[in-house]
C-alpha atoms as a PDB file:
ATOM      1  CA  MET A   1       0.184  48.982  74.124  1.00  0.00           C
ATOM      2  CA  LEU A   2       3.845  46.570  74.480  1.00  0.00           C
ATOM      3  CA  LYS A   3       3.488  43.828  71.803  1.00  0.00           C
ATOM      4  CA  LYS A   4       6.831  42.191  72.287  1.00  0.00           C
ATOM      5  CA  ILE A   5       8.281  41.535  75.709  1.00  0.00           C
ATOM      6  CA  ILE A   6      10.962  39.079  76.618  1.00  0.00           C
ATOM      7  CA  ILE A   7      12.002  38.019  80.128  1.00  0.00           C
ATOM      8  CA  ASP A   8      15.176  37.221  82.575  1.00  0.00           C
ATOM      9  CA  THR A   9      15.661  34.540  84.964  1.00  0.00           C
ATOM     10  CA  SER A  10      15.364  36.348  88.281  1.00  0.00           C
ATOM     11  CA  PRO A  11      11.760  37.625  87.435  1.00  0.00           C
ATOM     12  CA  ILE A  12      10.636  34.139  86.918  1.00  0.00           C
ATOM     13  CA  ILE A  13      12.032  33.153  89.903  1.00  0.00           C
ATOM     14  CA  PHE A  14      10.824  35.518  92.203  1.00  0.00           C
ATOM     15  CA  LEU A  15       7.509  35.892  90.570  1.00  0.00           C
ATOM     16  CA  SER A  16       7.244  32.058  91.062  1.00  0.00           C
ATOM     17  CA  LYS A  17       8.044  32.133  94.830  1.00  0.00           C
ATOM     18  CA  ILE A  18       5.304  34.498  95.707  1.00  0.00           C
ATOM     19  CA  ASN A  19       2.663  32.728  93.085  1.00  0.00           C
ATOM     20  CA  TYR A  20       2.159  35.308  90.630  1.00  0.00           C
ATOM     21  CA  LEU A  21       4.202  34.084  87.624  1.00  0.00           C
ATOM     22  CA  ASN A  22       0.958  33.670  86.071  1.00  0.00           C
ATOM     23  CA  LEU A  23       0.066  37.204  86.354  1.00  0.00           C
ATOM     24  CA  LEU A  24       2.449  38.260  83.869  1.00  0.00           C
ATOM     25  CA  ASN A  25       0.333  37.584  80.735  1.00  0.00           C
ATOM     26  CA  LYS A  26      -3.018  38.825  82.791  1.00  0.00           C
ATOM     27  CA  LEU A  27      -0.578  42.098  83.022  1.00  0.00           C
ATOM     28  CA  PHE A  28       1.013  42.636  79.453  1.00  0.00           C
ATOM     29  CA  PHE A  29      -1.934  40.617  77.361  1.00  0.00           C
ATOM     30  CA  GLU A  30       1.141  39.312  74.955  1.00  0.00           C
ATOM     31  CA  LYS A  31       2.839  35.957  74.978  1.00  0.00           C
ATOM     32  CA  ILE A  32       6.152  36.569  76.603  1.00  0.00           C
ATOM     33  CA  THR A  33       9.477  35.437  74.952  1.00  0.00           C
ATOM     34  CA  ILE A  34      11.613  33.601  76.982  1.00  0.00           C
ATOM     35  CA  PRO A  35      15.209  32.646  75.641  1.00  0.00           C
ATOM     36  CA  GLN A  36      16.158  28.996  76.290  1.00  0.00           C
ATOM     37  CA  SER A  37      19.273  30.043  77.971  1.00  0.00           C
ATOM     38  CA  PRO A  38      17.623  31.557  81.312  1.00  0.00           C
ATOM     39  CA  ILE A  39      15.449  28.291  81.004  1.00  0.00           C
ATOM     40  CA  ASP A  40      18.460  26.507  81.145  1.00  0.00           C
ATOM     41  CA  GLU A  41      20.006  28.717  84.134  1.00  0.00           C
ATOM     42  CA  LEU A  42      16.799  27.962  86.055  1.00  0.00           C
ATOM     43  CA  TYR A  43      16.982  24.387  85.900  1.00  0.00           C
ATOM     44  CA  ARG A  44      20.715  24.547  87.357  1.00  0.00           C
ATOM     45  CA  TYR A  45      19.433  24.739  90.695  1.00  0.00           C
ATOM     46  CA  LYS A  46      16.639  22.607  92.764  1.00  0.00           C
ATOM     47  CA  ILE A  47      13.491  24.001  92.262  1.00  0.00           C
ATOM     48  CA  PRO A  48      10.568  23.142  94.772  1.00  0.00           C
ATOM     49  CA  ALA A  49       7.908  21.304  93.197  1.00  0.00           C
ATOM     50  CA  SER A  50       5.177  24.035  93.371  1.00  0.00           C
ATOM     51  CA  GLU A  51       7.233  26.568  91.851  1.00  0.00           C
ATOM     52  CA  ASN A  52       8.237  24.373  89.042  1.00  0.00           C
ATOM     53  CA  LEU A  53       4.537  23.476  88.330  1.00  0.00           C
ATOM     54  CA  LEU A  54       3.933  27.488  87.723  1.00  0.00           C
ATOM     55  CA  ILE A  55       7.142  27.646  85.780  1.00  0.00           C
ATOM     56  CA  GLN A  56       5.978  24.895  83.628  1.00  0.00           C
ATOM     57  CA  LYS A  57       2.673  26.533  82.827  1.00  0.00           C
ATOM     58  CA  PHE A  58       4.144  30.058  82.511  1.00  0.00           C
ATOM     59  CA  LEU A  59       6.725  28.427  79.733  1.00  0.00           C
ATOM     60  CA  LYS A  60       3.886  26.484  77.877  1.00  0.00           C
ATOM     61  CA  ASN A  61       1.813  29.512  77.831  1.00  0.00           C
ATOM     62  CA  ASN A  62       4.257  31.799  76.396  1.00  0.00           C
ATOM     63  CA  GLN A  63       7.010  31.461  73.763  1.00  0.00           C
ATOM     64  CA  VAL A  64      10.682  30.013  74.335  1.00  0.00           C
ATOM     65  CA  VAL A  65      13.175  30.741  71.715  1.00  0.00           C
ATOM     66  CA  ASN A  66      16.587  29.347  70.550  1.00  0.00           C
ATOM     67  CA  THR A  67      18.630  32.539  70.270  1.00  0.00           C
ATOM     68  CA  ILE A  68      21.038  32.327  67.540  1.00  0.00           C
ATOM     69  CA  GLU A  69      21.949  36.139  66.858  1.00  0.00           C
ATOM     70  CA  LYS A  70      25.568  37.186  66.706  1.00  0.00           C
ATOM     71  CA  LYS A  71      25.981  39.014  70.439  1.00  0.00           C
ATOM     72  CA  ILE A  72      26.740  42.341  70.791  1.00  0.00           C
ATOM     73  CA  ASN A  73      30.097  43.299  71.939  1.00  0.00           C
ATOM     74  CA  SER A  74      30.108  43.420  75.504  1.00  0.00           C
ATOM     75  CA  THR A  75      32.578  42.008  78.162  1.00  0.00           C
ATOM     76  CA  SER A  76      30.544  43.176  81.110  1.00  0.00           C
ATOM     77  CA  LEU A  77      27.610  40.979  80.588  1.00  0.00           C
ATOM     78  CA  SER A  78      27.156  37.147  81.236  1.00  0.00           C
ATOM     79  CA  ASP A  79      26.339  35.083  78.301  1.00  0.00           C
ATOM     80  CA  ILE A  80      22.921  34.603  79.197  1.00  0.00           C
ATOM     81  CA  ASP A  81      22.487  38.539  79.808  1.00  0.00           C
ATOM     82  CA  ASN A  82      24.037  39.108  76.651  1.00  0.00           C
ATOM     83  CA  GLU A  83      21.707  36.802  74.528  1.00  0.00           C
ATOM     84  CA  ILE A  84      18.552  38.365  76.135  1.00  0.00           C
ATOM     85  CA  LEU A  85      19.714  41.643  75.090  1.00  0.00           C
ATOM     86  CA  THR A  86      20.923  40.825  71.670  1.00  0.00           C
ATOM     87  CA  HIS A  87      17.769  39.249  71.226  1.00  0.00           C
ATOM     88  CA  ALA A  88      15.641  42.172  71.919  1.00  0.00           C
ATOM     89  CA  ILE A  89      17.564  44.691  70.301  1.00  0.00           C
ATOM     90  CA  LYS A  90      17.813  42.893  67.030  1.00  0.00           C
ATOM     91  CA  ASN A  91      14.293  41.845  67.163  1.00  0.00           C
ATOM     92  CA  THR A  92      12.966  45.481  68.271  1.00  0.00           C
ATOM     93  CA  TYR A  93      11.403  44.193  71.583  1.00  0.00           C
ATOM     94  CA  ASP A  94       9.205  46.922  73.574  1.00  0.00           C
ATOM     95  CA  LEU A  95      10.184  45.632  76.901  1.00  0.00           C
ATOM     96  CA  ILE A  96      12.546  43.473  78.965  1.00  0.00           C
ATOM     97  CA  ILE A  97      11.856  42.386  82.263  1.00  0.00           C
ATOM     98  CA  THR A  98      15.065  42.256  84.225  1.00  0.00           C
ATOM     99  CA  ASP A  99      16.368  42.665  87.530  1.00  0.00           C
ATOM    100  CA  ASP A 100      19.856  43.256  86.131  1.00  0.00           C
ATOM    101  CA  ASN A 101      20.981  46.929  86.177  1.00  0.00           C
ATOM    102  CA  HIS A 102      23.201  46.408  83.481  1.00  0.00           C
ATOM    103  CA  ILE A 103      20.887  45.035  81.078  1.00  0.00           C
ATOM    104  CA  ARG A 104      18.383  47.892  82.035  1.00  0.00           C
ATOM    105  CA  LYS A 105      21.106  50.545  81.585  1.00  0.00           C
ATOM    106  CA  ILE A 106      21.611  49.487  77.916  1.00  0.00           C
ATOM    107  CA  ALA A 107      18.200  48.784  77.428  1.00  0.00           C
ATOM    108  CA  ALA A 108      17.448  52.439  77.974  1.00  0.00           C
ATOM    109  CA  HIS A 109      20.547  53.291  75.884  1.00  0.00           C
ATOM    110  CA  GLU A 110      18.777  51.354  73.101  1.00  0.00           C
ATOM    111  CA  LYS A 111      15.157  52.849  73.584  1.00  0.00           C
ATOM    112  CA  ILE A 112      13.673  49.377  74.991  1.00  0.00           C
ATOM    113  CA  LEU A 113      11.644  49.749  78.195  1.00  0.00           C
ATOM    114  CA  ALA A 114      12.870  47.520  81.032  1.00  0.00           C
ATOM    115  CA  ILE A 115      11.281  46.808  84.351  1.00  0.00           C
ATOM    116  CA  GLY A 116      12.404  44.359  87.050  1.00  0.00           C
ATOM    117  CA  THR A 117      10.216  42.117  89.535  1.00  0.00           C
ATOM    118  CA  LEU A 118       9.311  45.184  91.805  1.00  0.00           C
ATOM    119  CA  GLY A 119       7.867  47.006  88.526  1.00  0.00           C
ATOM    120  CA  VAL A 120       6.037  44.027  87.786  1.00  0.00           C
ATOM    121  CA  LEU A 121       4.478  44.213  91.523  1.00  0.00           C
ATOM    122  CA  ILE A 122       4.002  48.158  90.863  1.00  0.00           C
ATOM    123  CA  LYS A 123       2.259  47.684  87.691  1.00  0.00           C
ATOM    124  CA  LEU A 124      -0.159  44.831  89.231  1.00  0.00           C
ATOM    125  CA  ILE A 125      -1.321  47.395  91.699  1.00  0.00           C
ATOM    126  CA  GLU A 126      -1.613  50.129  89.184  1.00  0.00           C
ATOM    127  CA  LYS A 127      -3.920  47.918  87.031  1.00  0.00           C
ATOM    128  CA  LYS A 128      -6.047  47.045  89.752  1.00  0.00           C
ATOM    129  CA  ILE A 129      -4.973  43.094  89.522  1.00  0.00           C
ATOM    130  CA  LEU A 130      -3.472  43.182  93.270  1.00  0.00           C
ATOM    131  CA  LYS A 131      -3.691  45.418  96.326  1.00  0.00           C
ATOM    132  CA  ALA A 132      -1.199  47.528  97.894  1.00  0.00           C
ATOM    133  CA  ASP A 133      -0.946  46.042 101.083  1.00  0.00           C
ATOM    134  CA  ILE A 134      -0.719  42.653  99.717  1.00  0.00           C
ATOM    135  CA  VAL A 135       2.215  43.617  97.330  1.00  0.00           C
ATOM    136  CA  LYS A 136       3.949  45.590 100.316  1.00  0.00           C
ATOM    137  CA  GLN A 137       3.747  42.049 102.285  1.00  0.00           C
ATOM    138  CA  GLU A 138       5.003  40.214  99.175  1.00  0.00           C
ATOM    139  CA  ILE A 139       7.829  42.341  98.712  1.00  0.00           C
ATOM    140  CA  ASN A 140       9.305  42.260 102.446  1.00  0.00           C
ATOM    141  CA  ASN A 141       8.625  38.266 101.914  1.00  0.00           C
ATOM    142  CA  LEU A 142      10.837  38.033  98.769  1.00  0.00           C
ATOM    143  CA  ILE A 143      13.459  40.154 100.610  1.00  0.00           C
ATOM    144  CA  GLU A 144      13.549  38.123 104.071  1.00  0.00           C
ATOM    145  CA  TYR A 145      12.880  35.010 102.843  1.00  0.00           C
ATOM    146  CA  HIS A 146      13.870  34.671  99.039  1.00  0.00           C
ATOM    147  CA  GLY A 147      16.832  36.434  98.751  1.00  0.00           C
ATOM    148  CA  LEU A 148      15.998  39.771  96.763  1.00  0.00           C
ATOM    149  CA  ARG A 149      18.437  42.397  97.235  1.00  0.00           C
ATOM    150  CA  ILE A 150      17.687  46.001  96.806  1.00  0.00           C
ATOM    151  CA  SER A 151      19.203  49.171  98.531  1.00  0.00           C
ATOM    152  CA  LEU A 152      17.405  50.890 101.026  1.00  0.00           C
ATOM    153  CA  ASP A 153      16.915  53.916  98.667  1.00  0.00           C
ATOM    154  CA  VAL A 154      14.868  51.628  96.423  1.00  0.00           C
ATOM    155  CA  TYR A 155      13.064  49.931  98.991  1.00  0.00           C
ATOM    156  CA  LYS A 156      11.873  53.796 100.111  1.00  0.00           C
ATOM    157  CA  LYS A 157      11.306  54.688  96.593  1.00  0.00           C
ATOM    158  CA  VAL A 158       8.703  51.511  95.698  1.00  0.00           C
ATOM    159  CA  TYR A 159       6.962  52.091  99.030  1.00  0.00           C
ATOM    160  CA  GLU A 160       6.502  55.796  98.405  1.00  0.00           C
ATOM    161  CA  HIS A 161       5.170  54.946  94.917  1.00  0.00           C
ATOM    162  CA  ILE A 162       2.544  52.139  96.466  1.00  0.00           C
ATOM    163  CA  LYS A 163       1.701  54.717  99.037  1.00  0.00           C
ATOM    164  CA  ILE A 164      -0.173  56.379  96.189  1.00  0.00           C
ATOM    165  CA  TYR A 165      -2.311  53.107  95.712  1.00  0.00           C
ATOM    166  CA  GLU A 166      -3.436  52.211  99.247  1.00  0.00           C
ATOM    167  CA  GLU A 167      -6.898  52.328 100.475  1.00  0.00           C
END
């Protein structure tokens, strides 16, 4: 079982847009760590009131941390991504929830599991929390209305994986 989980900004944004942010704790049964810098990044932009309520509830039910670790030496990561990754590595996290490919590659190298918004949605189907047809519709909504950018190859792979769970 995954005990230590940390999350990046974009999954918080995308899951709140489709009203599924609250399902993370149901999926993982653990408090999720949110470094302060992704929260600060979130609030640089205007967040619709309904999404803000979901985010505030999520933050209240999980663990917000101010990270102070010396950052890993990487010029290819933003300060926020570096902070998340450094905290995860130095505190032996089991999972990073991020849509950033670069973070995911480094996490894999460090033997930390990493999944993104789509991976979370697939896990929600696997655990029978959500139905496959609903998740497919929400993925399309994220792409069409909320700015989720994925390659056609990833889109096809996700749909092939979801197809396994369709009734």
